[in-house]
N, C-alpha and C. Protein backbone atom coordinates (compact mmCIF):
# COMPACT_ATOMS: atom_id res chain seq x y z
N MET A 1 112.43 135.14 111.69
CA MET A 1 111.14 135.11 110.82
C MET A 1 110.33 133.96 111.44
N VAL A 2 111.01 132.80 111.57
CA VAL A 2 109.99 131.65 111.95
C VAL A 2 109.20 131.89 113.00
N SER A 3 109.94 132.47 114.24
CA SER A 3 108.95 132.75 115.30
C SER A 3 108.02 133.88 115.38
N SER A 4 108.61 134.61 114.28
CA SER A 4 107.68 136.15 113.97
C SER A 4 106.41 136.14 113.32
N GLY A 5 105.89 134.67 113.01
CA GLY A 5 104.62 134.70 112.18
C GLY A 5 104.41 134.16 110.99
N VAL A 6 105.73 134.26 110.05
CA VAL A 6 105.62 134.27 109.11
C VAL A 6 106.47 132.47 108.50
N ARG A 7 106.19 131.59 109.57
CA ARG A 7 106.68 130.20 109.35
C ARG A 7 105.75 129.65 108.42
N GLU A 8 104.47 129.96 108.51
CA GLU A 8 103.60 128.98 107.26
C GLU A 8 103.77 130.02 106.10
N THR A 9 104.05 130.84 106.08
CA THR A 9 104.29 131.37 104.48
C THR A 9 105.61 130.75 103.83
N ILE A 10 106.88 130.90 104.84
CA ILE A 10 108.01 130.11 104.05
C ILE A 10 107.62 128.63 104.04
N LYS A 11 106.99 128.07 104.83
CA LYS A 11 107.12 126.48 104.44
C LYS A 11 105.84 126.38 103.20
N PHE A 12 105.17 127.10 102.94
CA PHE A 12 104.24 127.08 102.03
C PHE A 12 105.14 127.16 100.67
N LEU A 13 106.23 128.23 100.50
CA LEU A 13 106.91 128.35 99.78
C LEU A 13 107.83 127.39 99.29
N VAL A 14 108.24 126.87 100.25
CA VAL A 14 109.53 125.82 100.14
C VAL A 14 108.76 124.51 99.63
N GLN A 15 107.49 124.29 100.29
CA GLN A 15 106.72 122.93 99.70
C GLN A 15 106.35 123.16 98.29
N HIS A 16 105.78 123.84 97.90
CA HIS A 16 105.59 124.26 96.59
C HIS A 16 106.63 124.61 95.53
N LYS A 17 108.00 124.45 96.15
CA LYS A 17 109.44 124.43 95.34
C LYS A 17 109.37 125.75 94.66
N LEU A 18 108.77 127.38 95.29
CA LEU A 18 108.54 128.39 94.86
C LEU A 18 109.84 129.11 95.21
N ILE A 19 110.82 128.66 96.00
CA ILE A 19 112.37 129.31 96.03
C ILE A 19 113.20 128.10 95.83
N ASP A 20 114.38 128.66 95.83
CA ASP A 20 115.51 127.90 95.70
C ASP A 20 116.40 127.29 96.93
N ALA A 21 116.50 128.31 97.85
CA ALA A 21 117.64 128.43 98.67
C ALA A 21 116.81 129.19 99.78
N ILE A 22 117.54 128.74 101.35
CA ILE A 22 116.81 129.62 102.11
C ILE A 22 118.18 129.72 103.05
N VAL A 23 118.74 131.14 103.53
CA VAL A 23 119.71 131.31 104.32
C VAL A 23 119.10 132.28 105.51
N THR A 24 119.38 131.35 106.81
CA THR A 24 118.97 131.71 107.65
C THR A 24 119.71 131.67 108.93
N THR A 25 119.36 132.05 110.18
CA THR A 25 120.19 131.74 111.65
C THR A 25 119.73 130.80 112.43
N ALA A 26 120.76 130.08 113.16
CA ALA A 26 120.18 128.72 114.06
C ALA A 26 118.78 128.75 114.52
N GLY A 27 118.29 129.98 115.14
CA GLY A 27 117.19 130.28 115.68
C GLY A 27 116.26 129.56 114.51
N GLY A 28 116.06 130.18 113.45
CA GLY A 28 115.18 129.76 112.57
C GLY A 28 114.78 128.22 112.46
N VAL A 29 116.31 127.39 112.52
CA VAL A 29 115.92 126.11 112.15
C VAL A 29 115.53 125.39 113.56
N GLU A 30 116.18 125.56 114.94
CA GLU A 30 115.68 125.23 115.91
C GLU A 30 114.01 125.38 116.33
N GLU A 31 113.67 126.85 115.94
CA GLU A 31 112.28 126.99 116.31
C GLU A 31 111.30 126.44 115.37
N ASP A 32 111.66 126.10 114.26
CA ASP A 32 111.05 125.05 113.14
C ASP A 32 111.03 123.94 113.86
N LEU A 33 111.80 123.19 114.07
CA LEU A 33 111.90 121.86 114.51
C LEU A 33 111.30 121.73 115.92
N ILE A 34 111.53 122.57 116.90
CA ILE A 34 110.81 122.75 118.20
C ILE A 34 109.47 122.40 118.17
N LYS A 35 108.67 123.57 117.11
CA LYS A 35 107.34 123.55 116.97
C LYS A 35 106.90 122.49 116.57
N CYS A 36 107.59 121.61 115.78
CA CYS A 36 106.84 120.41 115.42
C CYS A 36 107.06 119.24 116.57
N LEU A 37 107.52 119.46 117.61
CA LEU A 37 108.17 118.62 118.81
C LEU A 37 107.15 118.73 119.91
N ALA A 38 106.82 120.02 120.33
CA ALA A 38 106.14 120.64 121.28
C ALA A 38 105.40 122.01 121.09
N PRO A 39 104.56 122.14 121.88
CA PRO A 39 103.45 123.40 121.40
C PRO A 39 104.11 124.52 122.10
N SER A 40 104.04 125.62 121.66
CA SER A 40 104.33 126.95 121.87
C SER A 40 103.07 128.00 121.60
N TYR A 41 102.93 129.06 122.54
CA TYR A 41 101.82 129.57 122.95
C TYR A 41 101.97 130.83 122.60
N ILE A 42 100.88 131.92 122.04
CA ILE A 42 100.98 133.10 121.96
C ILE A 42 100.70 134.15 123.36
N GLY A 43 101.77 134.67 123.34
CA GLY A 43 101.27 135.83 124.89
C GLY A 43 101.31 136.94 124.16
N ASP A 44 102.42 137.98 124.85
CA ASP A 44 102.40 139.31 124.68
C ASP A 44 103.76 140.12 124.49
N PHE A 45 103.75 140.76 123.70
CA PHE A 45 105.17 141.61 123.58
C PHE A 45 105.70 142.16 125.03
N ASN A 46 104.89 142.21 125.83
CA ASN A 46 105.26 143.15 127.01
C ASN A 46 105.21 142.28 128.26
N LEU A 47 105.11 141.25 128.37
CA LEU A 47 105.15 140.24 129.07
C LEU A 47 106.41 140.20 129.90
N ASP A 48 106.60 140.27 131.25
CA ASP A 48 107.90 140.70 131.68
C ASP A 48 108.47 139.36 132.01
N GLY A 49 109.77 139.43 130.96
CA GLY A 49 110.73 138.49 131.26
C GLY A 49 111.14 137.49 132.34
N LYS A 50 111.40 138.27 133.61
CA LYS A 50 111.66 137.73 134.57
C LYS A 50 110.56 136.80 134.93
N THR A 51 109.28 137.32 135.20
CA THR A 51 108.46 136.65 135.54
C THR A 51 108.16 135.28 134.58
N LEU A 52 107.97 135.34 133.51
CA LEU A 52 108.22 134.15 132.73
C LEU A 52 109.28 132.98 133.01
N ARG A 53 110.69 133.46 132.92
CA ARG A 53 111.35 132.60 133.75
C ARG A 53 111.25 132.00 134.74
N ASP A 54 110.68 132.61 135.69
CA ASP A 54 110.32 132.07 136.87
C ASP A 54 109.12 131.00 136.54
N LYS A 55 108.56 130.91 135.76
CA LYS A 55 107.32 130.30 135.42
C LYS A 55 107.99 129.25 134.44
N GLY A 56 109.23 128.95 133.95
CA GLY A 56 109.95 128.01 133.01
C GLY A 56 109.43 128.51 131.89
N MET A 57 109.17 129.74 131.77
CA MET A 57 108.66 130.07 129.90
C MET A 57 109.73 131.21 129.56
N ASN A 58 109.82 131.20 128.39
CA ASN A 58 111.14 131.95 127.51
C ASN A 58 109.65 132.62 126.37
N ARG A 59 110.21 133.73 126.03
CA ARG A 59 109.54 134.76 125.41
C ARG A 59 110.56 135.18 123.81
N ILE A 60 109.81 134.53 122.93
CA ILE A 60 110.26 135.41 121.49
C ILE A 60 109.14 136.16 120.84
N GLY A 61 109.31 137.63 121.12
CA GLY A 61 108.44 138.29 120.95
C GLY A 61 107.30 138.03 121.52
N ASN A 62 106.20 137.64 120.89
CA ASN A 62 105.03 137.60 121.57
C ASN A 62 104.62 135.72 121.71
N LEU A 63 105.79 135.25 121.27
CA LEU A 63 105.74 133.73 121.46
C LEU A 63 106.19 133.14 122.90
N LEU A 64 105.73 132.38 123.31
CA LEU A 64 105.82 132.05 124.45
C LEU A 64 106.46 130.07 124.38
N ILE A 65 107.70 130.23 124.87
CA ILE A 65 108.21 128.45 124.46
C ILE A 65 108.27 128.08 125.69
N PRO A 66 107.56 126.74 126.43
CA PRO A 66 108.02 126.53 127.77
C PRO A 66 109.61 125.68 127.77
N ASN A 67 110.38 125.78 129.13
CA ASN A 67 111.50 125.33 129.01
C ASN A 67 111.42 123.92 128.61
N ASP A 68 110.61 123.38 129.00
CA ASP A 68 110.32 121.91 128.79
C ASP A 68 110.47 121.28 127.19
N ASN A 69 110.30 122.44 126.36
CA ASN A 69 110.41 122.02 124.76
C ASN A 69 111.67 121.91 124.44
N TYR A 70 112.46 122.46 125.15
CA TYR A 70 114.00 122.53 124.56
C TYR A 70 114.54 121.12 125.25
N CYS A 71 113.86 120.39 126.44
CA CYS A 71 114.22 119.11 126.88
C CYS A 71 113.97 118.22 125.33
N VAL A 72 112.79 118.41 125.34
CA VAL A 72 111.83 117.66 124.11
C VAL A 72 112.96 117.48 123.03
N PHE A 73 113.53 118.67 122.81
CA PHE A 73 114.21 118.69 121.49
C PHE A 73 115.65 118.14 121.65
N GLU A 74 116.06 118.48 122.99
CA GLU A 74 117.26 117.44 123.31
C GLU A 74 117.31 116.20 123.17
N ASN A 75 116.12 116.00 123.74
CA ASN A 75 116.02 114.17 123.65
C ASN A 75 115.69 113.63 122.26
N TRP A 76 115.18 114.42 121.42
CA TRP A 76 115.10 114.23 119.66
C TRP A 76 116.23 114.26 119.04
N LEU A 77 116.86 115.37 119.53
CA LEU A 77 118.24 115.40 118.64
C LEU A 77 119.50 114.67 118.80
N MET A 78 119.96 113.95 120.08
CA MET A 78 120.87 113.54 120.56
C MET A 78 121.09 112.21 119.89
N PRO A 79 119.99 111.29 119.72
CA PRO A 79 120.33 110.10 118.97
C PRO A 79 120.78 110.24 117.55
N ILE A 80 120.02 111.39 116.78
CA ILE A 80 120.41 111.90 115.70
C ILE A 80 121.90 112.35 115.42
N LEU A 81 122.36 112.94 116.46
CA LEU A 81 123.57 113.27 116.38
C LEU A 81 124.69 112.18 116.70
N ASP A 82 124.43 111.14 117.77
CA ASP A 82 124.85 109.61 117.46
C ASP A 82 125.26 109.28 116.08
N THR A 83 123.67 108.98 115.28
CA THR A 83 124.13 108.62 114.04
C THR A 83 124.98 109.16 113.13
N MET A 84 124.98 110.58 113.16
CA MET A 84 125.68 111.55 112.25
C MET A 84 127.19 111.12 112.36
N LEU A 85 127.43 111.04 114.19
CA LEU A 85 128.89 110.88 114.25
C LEU A 85 129.23 109.59 114.11
N LYS A 86 128.34 108.57 114.16
CA LYS A 86 128.55 107.01 113.16
C LYS A 86 128.73 107.13 111.78
N GLU A 87 128.01 107.94 111.41
CA GLU A 87 128.32 108.25 109.35
C GLU A 87 129.43 108.60 109.33
N GLN A 88 130.03 109.52 110.05
CA GLN A 88 130.97 110.28 110.03
C GLN A 88 132.13 109.51 109.75
N LYS A 89 132.24 108.74 111.14
CA LYS A 89 133.56 107.68 111.20
C LYS A 89 133.46 106.88 110.01
N GLU A 90 132.11 106.13 109.71
CA GLU A 90 132.15 104.76 109.01
C GLU A 90 132.59 105.27 107.64
N THR A 91 132.05 106.41 106.97
CA THR A 91 131.88 106.71 105.75
C THR A 91 132.30 108.06 104.92
N GLY A 92 133.05 108.86 106.24
CA GLY A 92 133.83 110.00 106.06
C GLY A 92 132.87 110.96 105.56
N THR A 93 131.52 111.12 105.96
CA THR A 93 130.48 112.09 105.63
C THR A 93 130.88 113.25 106.31
N VAL A 94 131.07 114.50 105.24
CA VAL A 94 131.18 115.84 106.05
C VAL A 94 130.31 116.59 106.05
N TRP A 95 130.04 116.82 107.47
CA TRP A 95 128.63 117.79 108.09
C TRP A 95 128.80 118.99 107.60
N THR A 96 128.22 119.68 106.81
CA THR A 96 127.83 121.03 106.78
C THR A 96 126.83 121.55 107.14
N PRO A 97 126.84 122.79 107.89
CA PRO A 97 125.51 123.33 108.34
C PRO A 97 124.00 122.84 107.29
N SER A 98 124.56 122.96 106.00
CA SER A 98 123.23 122.75 105.08
C SER A 98 122.58 121.31 105.06
N ARG A 99 123.86 120.28 104.93
CA ARG A 99 123.72 118.79 105.30
C ARG A 99 123.03 118.39 106.62
N ILE A 100 123.56 119.32 107.34
CA ILE A 100 123.09 118.87 109.28
C ILE A 100 121.34 118.97 108.84
N ILE A 101 121.18 120.42 108.64
CA ILE A 101 119.66 120.76 108.47
C ILE A 101 119.03 119.91 107.57
N ALA A 102 119.27 119.37 106.51
CA ALA A 102 118.81 118.60 105.77
C ALA A 102 118.69 117.40 106.47
N ARG A 103 119.34 116.75 107.45
CA ARG A 103 119.41 115.45 107.78
C ARG A 103 118.00 115.75 108.76
N LEU A 104 118.05 116.75 109.63
CA LEU A 104 117.14 116.96 110.86
C LEU A 104 115.83 117.23 110.01
N GLY A 105 115.50 117.79 109.03
CA GLY A 105 114.74 117.94 107.96
C GLY A 105 113.82 116.74 107.57
N THR A 106 114.68 115.50 107.52
CA THR A 106 114.31 113.95 107.14
C THR A 106 113.68 113.44 108.35
N ASP A 107 114.82 113.80 109.54
CA ASP A 107 114.43 113.19 110.81
C ASP A 107 113.16 113.73 111.36
N ILE A 108 112.71 114.86 111.18
CA ILE A 108 111.63 115.48 111.91
C ILE A 108 110.37 114.80 111.44
N ASP A 109 110.35 114.54 109.86
CA ASP A 109 109.31 113.82 109.25
C ASP A 109 107.91 114.58 109.70
N HIS A 110 107.92 115.89 109.71
CA HIS A 110 106.56 116.44 109.83
C HIS A 110 106.28 117.49 108.67
N GLU A 111 104.96 117.25 108.46
CA GLU A 111 104.79 118.06 107.27
C GLU A 111 104.46 119.71 107.74
N ASP A 112 104.36 120.10 108.84
CA ASP A 112 104.17 121.44 109.17
C ASP A 112 106.16 122.18 109.20
N SER A 113 106.89 121.48 109.07
CA SER A 113 108.15 121.88 109.03
C SER A 113 108.70 122.59 107.62
N ILE A 114 109.54 123.53 107.85
CA ILE A 114 110.16 124.02 106.96
C ILE A 114 111.14 123.35 106.36
N CYS A 115 112.05 122.82 107.55
CA CYS A 115 113.35 121.88 107.18
C CYS A 115 112.76 120.53 106.77
N TYR A 116 111.68 120.04 106.82
CA TYR A 116 110.81 118.69 106.33
C TYR A 116 110.77 118.84 104.86
N TRP A 117 110.30 120.08 104.18
CA TRP A 117 109.75 120.39 103.10
C TRP A 117 111.29 120.75 102.36
N ALA A 118 112.00 121.34 102.92
CA ALA A 118 113.51 121.70 102.19
C ALA A 118 114.40 120.37 102.08
N ALA A 119 114.01 119.15 102.94
CA ALA A 119 114.83 118.12 102.86
C ALA A 119 114.23 117.35 101.47
N LYS A 120 112.83 117.26 101.61
CA LYS A 120 112.14 116.41 100.85
C LYS A 120 112.15 117.15 99.32
N ASN A 121 112.50 118.48 99.08
CA ASN A 121 112.13 118.95 97.95
C ASN A 121 113.68 119.45 97.42
N HIS A 122 114.80 119.24 98.38
CA HIS A 122 116.09 119.20 97.62
C HIS A 122 116.25 121.12 97.79
N ILE A 123 116.03 121.36 98.68
CA ILE A 123 116.40 123.01 98.72
C ILE A 123 117.05 123.49 99.97
N PRO A 124 118.03 123.99 99.30
CA PRO A 124 119.22 123.95 100.59
C PRO A 124 118.65 124.89 101.69
N ILE A 125 119.28 124.88 102.73
CA ILE A 125 119.06 126.04 103.89
C ILE A 125 120.41 126.11 104.39
N PHE A 126 120.90 127.54 104.21
CA PHE A 126 122.18 127.71 104.40
C PHE A 126 122.29 128.69 105.85
N SER A 127 123.10 127.76 106.92
CA SER A 127 122.99 128.38 108.06
C SER A 127 124.73 128.63 108.71
N PRO A 128 125.18 129.28 108.21
CA PRO A 128 126.69 129.75 108.56
C PRO A 128 126.49 129.79 109.91
N ALA A 129 125.81 130.24 111.02
CA ALA A 129 126.38 130.17 112.50
C ALA A 129 125.25 129.30 112.81
N LEU A 130 125.28 128.10 112.49
CA LEU A 130 124.39 126.80 112.78
C LEU A 130 124.57 126.46 114.45
N THR A 131 125.77 126.90 114.65
CA THR A 131 126.23 126.42 116.07
C THR A 131 125.94 127.68 117.00
N ASP A 132 125.31 128.63 116.92
CA ASP A 132 124.72 129.53 117.81
C ASP A 132 123.53 129.26 118.26
N GLY A 133 122.97 129.27 119.30
CA GLY A 133 121.76 129.15 119.84
C GLY A 133 121.75 127.77 120.66
N SER A 134 120.64 127.21 120.93
CA SER A 134 120.32 126.07 121.49
C SER A 134 120.75 124.67 120.59
N LEU A 135 120.49 124.65 119.32
CA LEU A 135 121.21 123.92 118.66
C LEU A 135 122.51 123.59 118.61
N GLY A 136 123.71 124.56 118.56
CA GLY A 136 124.90 124.79 119.08
C GLY A 136 125.49 124.20 120.33
N ASP A 137 124.40 124.73 121.49
CA ASP A 137 124.46 123.82 122.72
C ASP A 137 124.71 122.66 122.86
N MET A 138 123.63 122.19 122.40
CA MET A 138 123.36 120.50 122.58
C MET A 138 124.36 120.17 121.36
N MET A 139 124.78 120.70 120.22
CA MET A 139 126.02 119.84 119.69
C MET A 139 127.12 120.12 120.57
N TYR A 140 127.39 121.09 121.41
CA TYR A 140 128.77 121.26 122.39
C TYR A 140 128.41 120.00 123.22
N PHE A 141 126.97 120.01 124.18
CA PHE A 141 127.05 119.30 125.03
C PHE A 141 127.12 117.71 124.49
N HIS A 142 127.03 117.31 123.21
CA HIS A 142 127.06 116.31 122.57
C HIS A 142 128.21 115.57 122.63
N SER A 143 129.34 116.51 122.49
CA SER A 143 130.51 116.61 121.98
C SER A 143 131.02 115.98 123.21
N PHE A 144 130.68 116.14 124.68
CA PHE A 144 131.51 115.54 126.01
C PHE A 144 130.76 114.16 125.87
N ARG A 145 129.52 114.10 125.77
CA ARG A 145 129.18 112.66 125.90
C ARG A 145 129.83 111.51 124.96
N ASN A 146 129.52 112.00 123.83
CA ASN A 146 130.16 111.17 122.14
C ASN A 146 130.99 112.25 121.24
N PRO A 147 132.26 112.26 121.87
CA PRO A 147 133.15 113.61 121.07
C PRO A 147 133.54 112.89 119.47
N GLY A 148 133.50 114.21 118.92
CA GLY A 148 133.97 113.89 117.41
C GLY A 148 133.38 114.33 116.31
N LEU A 149 131.95 114.60 116.59
CA LEU A 149 131.37 115.07 115.36
C LEU A 149 131.84 116.37 114.78
N ILE A 150 131.94 116.79 113.72
CA ILE A 150 132.48 118.06 113.27
C ILE A 150 131.31 118.66 112.32
N CYS A 151 131.03 119.62 112.57
CA CYS A 151 130.41 120.79 111.44
C CYS A 151 131.44 121.34 110.71
N ASP A 152 131.46 121.28 109.60
CA ASP A 152 132.45 122.14 108.76
C ASP A 152 131.68 123.24 108.12
N ILE A 153 131.78 124.17 108.79
CA ILE A 153 131.23 125.45 108.23
C ILE A 153 131.74 125.96 107.16
N LEU A 154 133.39 126.13 107.02
CA LEU A 154 134.05 126.51 106.05
C LEU A 154 133.41 126.03 105.01
N GLN A 155 133.30 124.53 104.69
CA GLN A 155 133.04 123.92 103.79
C GLN A 155 131.27 124.38 103.10
N GLY A 156 130.63 124.62 104.41
CA GLY A 156 129.04 124.69 104.04
C GLY A 156 129.13 126.31 103.57
N ASN A 157 130.29 127.17 103.59
CA ASN A 157 130.00 128.53 103.09
C ASN A 157 130.53 128.75 101.76
N ILE A 158 131.51 127.32 101.09
CA ILE A 158 131.97 127.29 100.12
C ILE A 158 130.96 126.87 99.10
N VAL A 159 130.14 125.85 99.54
CA VAL A 159 128.85 125.09 98.80
C VAL A 159 128.13 126.73 98.54
N LYS A 160 127.63 126.95 99.99
CA LYS A 160 126.84 128.19 99.49
C LYS A 160 127.16 129.47 98.39
N TYR A 161 128.44 129.72 98.47
CA TYR A 161 128.64 130.59 97.70
C TYR A 161 128.80 130.07 96.06
N LYS A 162 129.38 128.92 96.12
CA LYS A 162 129.17 128.35 94.49
C LYS A 162 127.81 128.22 94.16
N PHE A 163 126.78 127.67 95.05
CA PHE A 163 125.64 127.71 94.62
C PHE A 163 124.98 129.27 94.12
N LEU A 164 125.29 130.13 94.94
CA LEU A 164 124.39 131.27 94.64
C LEU A 164 125.68 132.01 93.21
N VAL A 165 126.89 131.79 93.29
CA VAL A 165 127.38 131.98 91.83
C VAL A 165 126.87 131.41 90.75
N LEU A 166 126.65 130.06 90.89
CA LEU A 166 125.92 129.66 89.41
C LEU A 166 124.71 129.91 89.64
N TYR A 167 123.97 130.00 90.56
CA TYR A 167 122.46 130.29 90.59
C TYR A 167 122.03 131.83 89.77
N LEU A 168 122.70 132.78 90.40
CA LEU A 168 123.11 134.10 89.96
C LEU A 168 123.41 134.05 88.22
N ASP A 169 124.54 133.39 88.18
CA ASP A 169 125.07 133.54 86.94
C ASP A 169 124.08 132.84 85.58
N CYS A 170 123.00 131.95 86.35
CA CYS A 170 122.19 131.11 85.36
C CYS A 170 120.85 132.21 84.93
N ARG A 171 120.93 132.99 86.12
CA ARG A 171 119.54 133.83 86.37
C ARG A 171 119.79 135.13 85.86
N THR A 172 120.47 135.93 85.58
CA THR A 172 120.76 137.08 85.48
C THR A 172 121.86 137.48 84.68
N ARG A 173 121.84 138.60 83.83
CA ARG A 173 123.04 138.95 82.91
C ARG A 173 123.79 140.14 83.84
N THR A 174 124.58 140.26 83.44
CA THR A 174 125.92 141.39 84.22
C THR A 174 125.04 142.72 83.94
N ASP A 175 124.39 143.38 82.93
CA ASP A 175 123.76 144.42 82.83
C ASP A 175 122.36 144.73 83.36
N GLU A 176 121.84 143.68 83.77
CA GLU A 176 120.54 143.46 84.35
C GLU A 176 120.71 144.13 86.00
N SER A 177 119.75 145.15 86.36
CA SER A 177 119.69 145.81 87.36
C SER A 177 118.96 145.25 88.42
N HIS A 178 118.39 144.23 88.33
CA HIS A 178 117.26 143.47 89.25
C HIS A 178 117.92 142.19 89.60
N TYR A 179 117.33 141.58 90.66
CA TYR A 179 118.08 140.42 91.23
C TYR A 179 117.04 139.16 90.77
N ALA A 180 117.64 138.08 90.70
CA ALA A 180 117.24 136.84 90.43
C ALA A 180 115.65 136.74 91.33
N ASN A 181 114.97 135.99 90.56
CA ASN A 181 114.08 136.09 91.39
C ASN A 181 113.20 135.29 92.78
N SER A 182 114.25 134.43 92.92
CA SER A 182 114.27 133.48 94.31
C SER A 182 115.13 133.84 95.32
N ILE A 183 116.29 134.53 95.04
CA ILE A 183 117.19 134.79 96.06
C ILE A 183 117.49 136.38 96.20
N VAL A 184 117.74 136.81 97.24
CA VAL A 184 117.68 137.99 97.42
C VAL A 184 118.78 138.34 98.37
N PRO A 185 120.37 138.93 98.02
CA PRO A 185 120.93 138.88 98.94
C PRO A 185 120.61 140.00 99.60
N LEU A 186 121.61 139.50 101.10
CA LEU A 186 120.91 140.47 102.24
C LEU A 186 122.47 141.07 102.86
N CYS A 187 122.42 142.27 102.66
CA CYS A 187 123.87 142.92 102.73
C CYS A 187 123.64 143.50 104.01
């Protein structure tokens, strides 16, 4: 949804604390961050993928992302992963997907970012498949250069489920037939 035109709406909701949590894909996280680091362009849904690739462009719907944007993202991300690994070794920090996203949101320090506002407002972003996509590729490549960083997806899911159970328990009664106002489960 970040790349489909509703990023500003989601950012507004997070910035103004109108939601309590986000569940997203890795793509939602990385595209939010990449848009803070380098420009993307409006194209057309019908542009030929091969022609675009030959020109060093990627297409997400009608959004065009230059290949170089992923290089900028990698250059920004790798030192953060180094620091996270150091913290893990020195303090025993358990890096769950939501904790990683909060760290990236803090480090992006850009008010156009959903991740920035979520970190600032202590709104968790859950992404059980955080290692999917470009972000996961970079974490994988980082493991060759500086091995040992652990992304504990199971612990992240435990935290997410406890959050949802506590949240829904506080917001609804068992005989109510509507969802809590800020979280809608997607089944």
